[in-house]
Amino acid sequence: MLWTDKSLAATFGIMAALGVVLGSLAYAIAHKTFRWEGFTTAEDLGNHIIGGILMGFGGITALGCTIGQGITGFSTLALGSIVTFFSIIAGSAATLKYQYWKLAKQA
């Protein structure tokens, strides 16, 4: 949280993120619905880590939120947003094909 903000000030964004985590923890404990969840295999964890890295890279490359580029940017017919939107679709299709290929290989 302090990678880009060296002032060490507790900004609204930092406190909102902390509030979401602590608020949801308090609710789950109060309603006795708290449970630990995790990944079933190391491969599943790796897939999620790679996906997170790619989403972060895509957000930075698109100069903003990937979904925001696809929805609001596309509606203004911004060329960069249109390229981003179709890149999101292509990446999703490629990922689905890879996942289907892995499932067929296991069967």
Protein backbone atom coordinates (compact mmCIF):
# COMPACT_ATOMS: atom_id res chain seq x y z
CA MET A 1 0.00 0.00 0.00
CA LEU A 2 2.94 2.33 0.49
CA TRP A 3 4.82 1.47 -2.70
CA THR A 4 3.81 4.60 -4.58
CA ASP A 5 2.98 6.84 -1.61
CA LYS A 6 6.06 7.60 0.47
CA SER A 7 4.30 10.07 2.77
CA LEU A 8 3.19 7.31 5.20
CA ALA A 9 -0.17 9.06 5.55
CA ALA A 10 -3.26 6.98 6.21
CA THR A 11 -5.19 8.06 3.12
CA PHE A 12 -8.83 7.28 2.36
CA GLY A 13 -7.86 4.47 -0.02
CA ILE A 14 -5.65 2.73 2.51
CA MET A 15 -8.22 3.03 5.29
CA ALA A 16 -11.05 1.88 2.99
CA ALA A 17 -9.10 -1.25 2.04
CA LEU A 18 -8.32 -1.95 5.69
CA GLY A 19 -11.96 -1.26 6.66
CA VAL A 20 -13.28 -3.75 4.10
CA VAL A 21 -11.00 -6.50 5.43
CA LEU A 22 -11.65 -5.80 9.11
CA GLY A 23 -15.39 -5.18 8.61
CA SER A 24 -15.92 -8.44 6.73
CA LEU A 25 -13.87 -10.32 9.35
CA ALA A 26 -15.96 -8.85 12.18
CA TYR A 27 -19.21 -9.73 10.38
CA ALA A 28 -18.09 -13.30 9.65
CA ILE A 29 -17.02 -13.86 13.25
CA ALA A 30 -20.21 -12.29 14.66
CA HIS A 31 -22.44 -14.46 12.46
CA LYS A 32 -20.27 -17.57 12.93
CA THR A 33 -19.69 -17.94 9.19
CA PHE A 34 -15.90 -17.44 9.23
CA ARG A 35 -13.90 -20.15 7.48
CA TRP A 36 -10.46 -20.45 5.97
CA GLU A 37 -10.31 -21.03 2.24
CA GLY A 38 -7.40 -21.81 0.02
CA PHE A 39 -6.23 -23.40 -3.18
CA THR A 40 -6.54 -27.13 -3.70
CA THR A 41 -3.19 -27.60 -5.44
CA ALA A 42 0.03 -25.71 -6.00
CA GLU A 43 -0.81 -25.62 -9.73
CA ASP A 44 -4.10 -23.85 -8.97
CA LEU A 45 -2.24 -21.31 -6.82
CA GLY A 46 0.28 -20.78 -9.63
CA ASN A 47 -2.49 -20.22 -12.17
CA HIS A 48 -4.07 -17.57 -9.95
CA ILE A 49 -0.73 -15.84 -9.34
CA ILE A 50 0.02 -15.74 -13.07
CA GLY A 51 -3.51 -14.47 -13.75
CA GLY A 52 -3.08 -11.71 -11.18
CA ILE A 53 0.23 -10.66 -12.68
CA LEU A 54 -1.29 -10.56 -16.16
CA MET A 55 -4.29 -8.55 -14.91
CA GLY A 56 -1.96 -6.05 -13.22
CA PHE A 57 0.19 -5.78 -16.32
CA GLY A 58 -2.91 -5.31 -18.46
CA GLY A 59 -4.26 -2.60 -16.18
CA ILE A 60 -1.00 -0.68 -16.30
CA THR A 61 -0.59 -1.15 -20.05
CA ALA A 62 -4.19 -0.03 -20.66
CA LEU A 63 -3.58 3.05 -18.51
CA GLY A 64 -6.41 2.20 -16.18
CA CYS A 65 -8.82 -0.42 -15.00
CA THR A 66 -9.22 -3.17 -17.56
CA ILE A 67 -13.01 -3.37 -17.18
CA GLY A 68 -13.31 0.41 -17.16
CA GLN A 69 -11.38 0.57 -20.42
CA GLY A 70 -13.73 -1.97 -21.95
CA ILE A 71 -16.98 -0.36 -20.81
CA THR A 72 -16.53 3.40 -20.55
CA GLY A 73 -13.61 3.82 -22.92
CA PHE A 74 -15.22 1.76 -25.66
CA SER A 75 -18.40 3.83 -25.42
CA THR A 76 -16.41 6.96 -26.29
CA LEU A 77 -14.84 5.11 -29.24
CA ALA A 78 -11.34 5.72 -27.90
CA LEU A 79 -8.93 3.69 -30.05
CA GLY A 80 -6.85 2.52 -27.09
CA SER A 81 -9.95 1.31 -25.28
CA ILE A 82 -11.18 -0.58 -28.34
CA VAL A 83 -7.80 -2.32 -28.66
CA THR A 84 -7.88 -3.08 -24.93
CA PHE A 85 -11.41 -4.47 -25.13
CA PHE A 86 -10.58 -6.86 -27.96
CA SER A 87 -7.34 -7.84 -26.22
CA ILE A 88 -9.34 -8.76 -23.11
CA ILE A 89 -11.64 -10.93 -25.24
CA ALA A 90 -8.69 -12.58 -27.02
CA GLY A 91 -6.91 -13.25 -23.73
CA SER A 92 -10.06 -14.74 -22.21
CA ALA A 93 -10.63 -16.98 -25.24
CA ALA A 94 -7.00 -18.15 -25.19
CA THR A 95 -7.20 -18.92 -21.48
CA LEU A 96 -10.42 -20.91 -21.92
CA LYS A 97 -8.89 -22.91 -24.78
CA TYR A 98 -5.83 -23.63 -22.62
CA GLN A 99 -8.01 -24.75 -19.70
CA TYR A 100 -10.11 -27.00 -21.98
CA TRP A 101 -6.92 -28.46 -23.44
CA LYS A 102 -5.63 -29.24 -19.94
CA LEU A 103 -8.94 -30.92 -19.00
CA ALA A 104 -8.98 -33.01 -22.19
CA LYS A 105 -5.36 -34.04 -21.58
CA GLN A 106 -6.25 -35.32 -18.08
CA ALA A 107 -9.20 -37.39 -19.31
